[in-house]
Amino acid sequence: MPLIGVDGCRGGWAVARTSGDLANVTFDLIEHIDSLFATDAIIAIDIPIGLPTDGPRRCDVAARKLLGPGQGSRVFPAPCRATLDGCSYSQCAELNRAASGKRISKQTYGIIPKIREVDRAIRPALQARVREAHPEGCFRVLNGTPLQYSKKTVAGQRERLQILAASGLRFDPTLERQRLGRTRIQMDDIIDAAACLLTARRIAQRCECVLGDLAVDGRGLRMEIVV
C-alpha cells in the first residue's frame, strides 16, 4: 500500500512517499493536490480538513493540549468556513470574527489558499484514506515528551531528525532541498512531510491516535487530527 505524507510549502506541496519500507522514501514537490488525492495511497496531510461554522474545532483544542504548556501556538486554529469567501486579510479576519467572535491570525490567513485547495478536492468518502495530520503532534507522540526547540531553528530540526531516525526514517533534508529548489521549499517543510509519512504508516497499521470526537462540518467532513 503506497503511503504519503504531505506538507504545504511555498512551491506547492512537499510530498514524502514510500510503499511501506522506510529505507526507501522519496521526496518530491507538486503544485496541485487533486492529482495526489486521485491515487490509491493512504495520505496524511498537514492542512485543516473539515471547517467549523463557528468557534474552535475540538480537535485543534485537543492538539494544543497534547503539545503541552507554551506550545499551543504551534497549532493554528482552523478558520470558519465562511472565512474562505474573503479576498484579503481584513475581509477574512472580519468574516471569521462575525462567525466565531475571533479574528484569524496572519499566519492562518497565509494558509487560506492551501485550505481552499484541499477543501475543493476532498470529499467525505476520501477521508477513508486522506486524513488530516499535524507534524508537531506526531513528533510529540513519537518523542513521548514535549519538544524543546522550534522547528525553524537548527537545534529544532536536529531534534526532529533524531526522532524520525529513531523510527527508522533517515534522510538528508539539506540535499533534498537543494534537489527540489531552495526558493520553493524549506527544510522544515521536508521534515514535516516526513513526519506526516510516519502518521500515514500508523494509519495503515491501524495504530494511529485520533484527536477529536466524531464532529463533522456542514459538508459532512470529519473534523479530526490524526497523529
Protein backbone atom coordinates (compact mmCIF):
# COMPACT_ATOMS: atom_id res chain seq x y z
CA MET A 1 0.00 0.00 0.00
CA PRO A 2 1.52 3.36 -1.01
CA LEU A 3 1.94 5.79 1.88
CA ILE A 4 2.24 9.57 1.50
CA GLY A 5 2.96 12.44 3.88
CA VAL A 6 2.20 15.99 2.72
CA ASP A 7 3.03 19.48 3.95
CA GLY A 8 2.30 22.80 2.31
CA CYS A 9 5.23 24.88 1.10
CA ARG A 10 5.98 27.96 -0.99
CA GLY A 11 6.22 25.99 -4.23
CA GLY A 12 3.06 23.94 -3.63
CA TRP A 13 3.13 20.75 -1.58
CA ALA A 14 6.09 18.85 -0.14
CA VAL A 15 5.50 15.11 -0.54
CA ALA A 16 7.20 12.14 1.15
CA ARG A 17 6.37 8.71 -0.33
CA THR A 18 7.05 5.07 0.37
CA SER A 19 5.46 1.71 -0.32
CA GLY A 20 5.92 0.90 3.37
CA ASP A 21 9.69 0.45 3.58
CA LEU A 22 11.13 3.45 5.44
CA ALA A 23 14.55 2.68 3.95
CA ASN A 24 13.12 3.65 0.55
CA VAL A 25 11.46 7.05 0.97
CA THR A 26 11.38 9.58 -1.85
CA PHE A 27 10.60 13.29 -1.70
CA ASP A 28 9.10 15.49 -4.36
CA LEU A 29 7.21 18.73 -4.79
CA ILE A 30 3.87 19.04 -6.56
CA GLU A 31 1.92 22.17 -7.47
CA HIS A 32 -1.64 20.88 -7.04
CA ILE A 33 -3.17 18.47 -4.53
CA ASP A 34 -6.02 16.99 -6.58
CA SER A 35 -3.76 14.67 -8.58
CA LEU A 36 -2.40 13.24 -5.33
CA PHE A 37 -5.88 12.60 -3.95
CA ALA A 38 -6.68 10.64 -7.12
CA THR A 39 -4.15 7.95 -6.18
CA ASP A 40 -4.98 4.92 -4.03
CA ALA A 41 -2.44 5.84 -1.35
CA ILE A 42 -3.03 6.45 2.34
CA ILE A 43 -2.32 10.16 2.73
CA ALA A 44 -1.63 12.17 5.88
CA ILE A 45 -1.65 15.90 5.15
CA ASP A 46 -0.91 18.87 7.37
CA ILE A 47 -3.84 21.12 6.49
CA PRO A 48 -7.28 21.57 8.09
CA ILE A 49 -9.91 19.21 6.70
CA GLY A 50 -13.44 19.97 7.87
CA LEU A 51 -14.16 23.57 8.83
CA PRO A 52 -16.38 24.77 11.68
CA THR A 53 -19.39 27.03 11.31
CA ASP A 54 -18.46 28.89 14.47
CA GLY A 55 -15.98 28.54 17.30
CA PRO A 56 -12.87 26.35 17.51
CA ARG A 57 -12.64 22.75 16.35
CA ARG A 58 -12.35 20.36 19.28
CA CYS A 59 -9.50 18.55 17.53
CA ASP A 60 -7.45 21.77 17.48
CA VAL A 61 -8.06 22.23 21.19
CA ALA A 62 -7.02 18.62 21.81
CA ALA A 63 -3.87 19.07 19.70
CA ARG A 64 -2.80 22.11 21.71
CA LYS A 65 -3.37 20.17 24.92
CA LEU A 66 -1.28 17.28 23.56
CA LEU A 67 1.67 19.55 22.76
CA GLY A 68 1.73 20.90 26.29
CA PRO A 69 2.14 24.27 28.04
CA GLY A 70 3.71 27.03 25.99
CA GLN A 71 3.45 25.13 22.69
CA GLY A 72 -0.17 25.74 21.73
CA SER A 73 0.83 28.36 19.16
CA ARG A 74 2.19 25.51 17.01
CA VAL A 75 -1.43 24.61 16.22
CA PHE A 76 -3.12 27.22 14.02
CA PRO A 77 -6.88 27.36 14.75
CA ALA A 78 -8.81 26.30 11.65
CA PRO A 79 -10.81 29.18 10.15
CA CYS A 80 -14.58 29.06 9.98
CA ARG A 81 -15.94 28.00 6.60
CA ALA A 82 -17.34 31.47 5.83
CA THR A 83 -13.80 32.85 6.10
CA LEU A 84 -12.83 31.18 2.81
CA ASP A 85 -15.03 33.71 0.97
CA GLY A 86 -12.69 36.59 1.84
CA CYS A 87 -10.32 38.11 -0.71
CA SER A 88 -7.92 39.87 1.68
CA TYR A 89 -6.65 39.53 5.22
CA SER A 90 -9.03 42.19 6.51
CA GLN A 91 -12.03 40.53 4.83
CA CYS A 92 -11.11 37.05 6.05
CA ALA A 93 -10.43 38.32 9.57
CA GLU A 94 -13.79 40.08 9.70
CA LEU A 95 -15.68 37.08 8.27
CA ASN A 96 -14.12 34.85 10.92
CA ARG A 97 -14.92 37.39 13.65
CA ALA A 98 -18.55 37.53 12.53
CA ALA A 99 -18.79 33.73 12.60
CA SER A 100 -16.85 32.96 15.76
CA GLY A 101 -16.16 36.18 17.62
CA LYS A 102 -12.43 36.00 16.85
CA ARG A 103 -10.28 37.28 14.00
CA ILE A 104 -7.84 34.91 12.35
CA SER A 105 -4.09 35.47 12.65
CA LYS A 106 -1.95 36.46 9.69
CA GLN A 107 -0.31 33.03 9.94
CA THR A 108 -3.68 31.35 9.44
CA TYR A 109 -4.51 33.75 6.61
CA GLY A 110 -1.27 32.69 4.94
CA ILE A 111 -2.53 29.13 4.51
CA ILE A 112 -6.08 30.05 3.39
CA PRO A 113 -5.24 29.32 -0.30
CA LYS A 114 -4.00 25.84 0.69
CA ILE A 115 -7.12 25.25 2.80
CA ARG A 116 -9.33 26.29 -0.13
CA GLU A 117 -7.46 23.96 -2.48
CA VAL A 118 -7.85 20.94 -0.22
CA ASP A 119 -11.48 21.80 0.60
CA ARG A 120 -12.33 21.79 -3.10
CA ALA A 121 -10.62 18.43 -3.65
CA ILE A 122 -11.74 16.50 -0.57
CA ARG A 123 -14.97 14.55 -0.15
CA PRO A 124 -16.25 12.68 2.92
CA ALA A 125 -15.64 9.33 1.21
CA LEU A 126 -11.99 10.24 0.60
CA GLN A 127 -11.42 10.56 4.34
CA ALA A 128 -11.20 6.79 4.47
CA ARG A 129 -7.61 7.25 3.26
CA VAL A 130 -6.92 11.03 3.23
CA ARG A 131 -6.53 12.22 6.81
CA GLU A 132 -5.57 15.49 8.44
CA ALA A 133 -2.30 15.20 10.34
CA HIS A 134 -0.15 17.52 12.44
CA PRO A 135 3.65 17.10 12.37
CA GLU A 136 4.21 18.65 15.80
CA GLY A 137 1.65 16.28 17.28
CA CYS A 138 3.39 13.39 15.51
CA PHE A 139 6.75 14.38 16.97
CA ARG A 140 5.22 14.77 20.43
CA VAL A 141 3.75 11.26 20.28
CA LEU A 142 6.96 9.71 18.95
CA ASN A 143 9.15 11.52 21.46
CA GLY A 144 6.97 10.81 24.48
CA THR A 145 7.67 14.27 25.92
CA PRO A 146 7.31 17.85 24.63
CA LEU A 147 9.97 19.00 22.19
CA GLN A 148 12.47 21.61 23.32
CA TYR A 149 13.17 23.69 20.24
CA SER A 150 11.28 25.45 17.45
CA LYS A 151 11.25 23.68 14.09
CA LYS A 152 12.59 26.88 12.50
CA THR A 153 15.90 26.56 14.35
CA VAL A 154 18.88 24.34 13.57
CA ALA A 155 18.54 22.76 17.02
CA GLY A 156 14.85 22.09 16.41
CA GLN A 157 15.49 20.50 13.04
CA ARG A 158 18.21 18.32 14.51
CA GLU A 159 15.86 17.32 17.33
CA ARG A 160 13.14 16.30 14.89
CA LEU A 161 15.51 14.43 12.57
CA GLN A 162 16.73 12.39 15.54
CA ILE A 163 13.13 11.47 16.38
CA LEU A 164 12.50 10.41 12.77
CA ALA A 165 15.72 8.39 12.70
CA ALA A 166 14.71 6.58 15.88
CA SER A 167 11.59 5.46 13.97
CA GLY A 168 13.69 4.18 11.06
CA LEU A 169 13.33 7.18 8.74
CA ARG A 170 16.69 8.70 7.80
CA PHE A 171 17.38 11.26 5.07
CA ASP A 172 19.32 14.46 4.45
CA PRO A 173 16.89 17.41 4.22
CA THR A 174 19.67 19.72 3.00
CA LEU A 175 20.27 17.55 -0.07
CA GLU A 176 16.53 17.14 -0.68
CA ARG A 177 16.01 20.90 -0.52
CA GLN A 178 18.84 21.52 -2.98
CA ARG A 179 17.33 18.98 -5.36
CA LEU A 180 13.77 20.33 -5.10
CA GLY A 181 14.68 24.02 -5.15
CA ARG A 182 15.79 26.19 -2.26
CA THR A 183 13.41 29.02 -3.19
CA ARG A 184 10.40 26.67 -3.35
CA ILE A 185 10.76 24.62 -0.18
CA GLN A 186 12.20 25.00 3.32
CA MET A 187 13.99 22.45 5.48
CA ASP A 188 11.09 22.24 7.93
CA ASP A 189 8.63 21.55 5.06
CA ILE A 190 10.59 18.42 4.15
CA ILE A 191 10.88 17.32 7.79
CA ASP A 192 7.16 17.90 8.37
CA ALA A 193 6.23 15.87 5.27
CA ALA A 194 8.35 13.03 6.66
CA ALA A 195 6.53 13.26 9.99
CA CYS A 196 3.20 13.07 8.16
CA LEU A 197 4.50 9.99 6.32
CA LEU A 198 5.00 8.26 9.67
CA THR A 199 1.43 9.19 10.55
CA ALA A 200 0.25 7.63 7.28
CA ARG A 201 2.19 4.48 8.25
CA ARG A 202 0.43 4.35 11.62
CA ILE A 203 -2.91 4.76 9.86
CA ALA A 204 -2.06 1.79 7.64
CA GLN A 205 -1.08 -0.20 10.73
CA ARG A 206 -4.27 0.93 12.50
CA CYS A 207 -2.38 2.28 15.48
CA GLU A 208 -2.98 5.99 14.90
CA CYS A 209 -4.15 8.36 17.63
CA VAL A 210 -7.22 10.41 16.62
CA LEU A 211 -7.77 13.81 18.22
CA GLY A 212 -11.39 14.93 18.14
CA ASP A 213 -14.72 13.31 18.83
CA LEU A 214 -16.51 12.45 15.59
CA ALA A 215 -17.57 16.04 14.85
CA VAL A 216 -18.48 16.75 11.22
CA ASP A 217 -18.79 20.04 9.38
CA GLY A 218 -21.53 21.32 7.11
CA ARG A 219 -20.16 19.31 4.18
CA GLY A 220 -20.11 16.09 6.18
CA LEU A 221 -16.31 16.15 6.57
CA ARG A 222 -14.89 14.77 9.81
CA MET A 223 -13.09 17.40 11.87
CA GLU A 224 -10.23 15.41 13.39
CA ILE A 225 -6.45 15.35 13.57
CA VAL A 226 -4.52 12.09 13.32
CA VAL A 227 -1.08 11.78 14.95
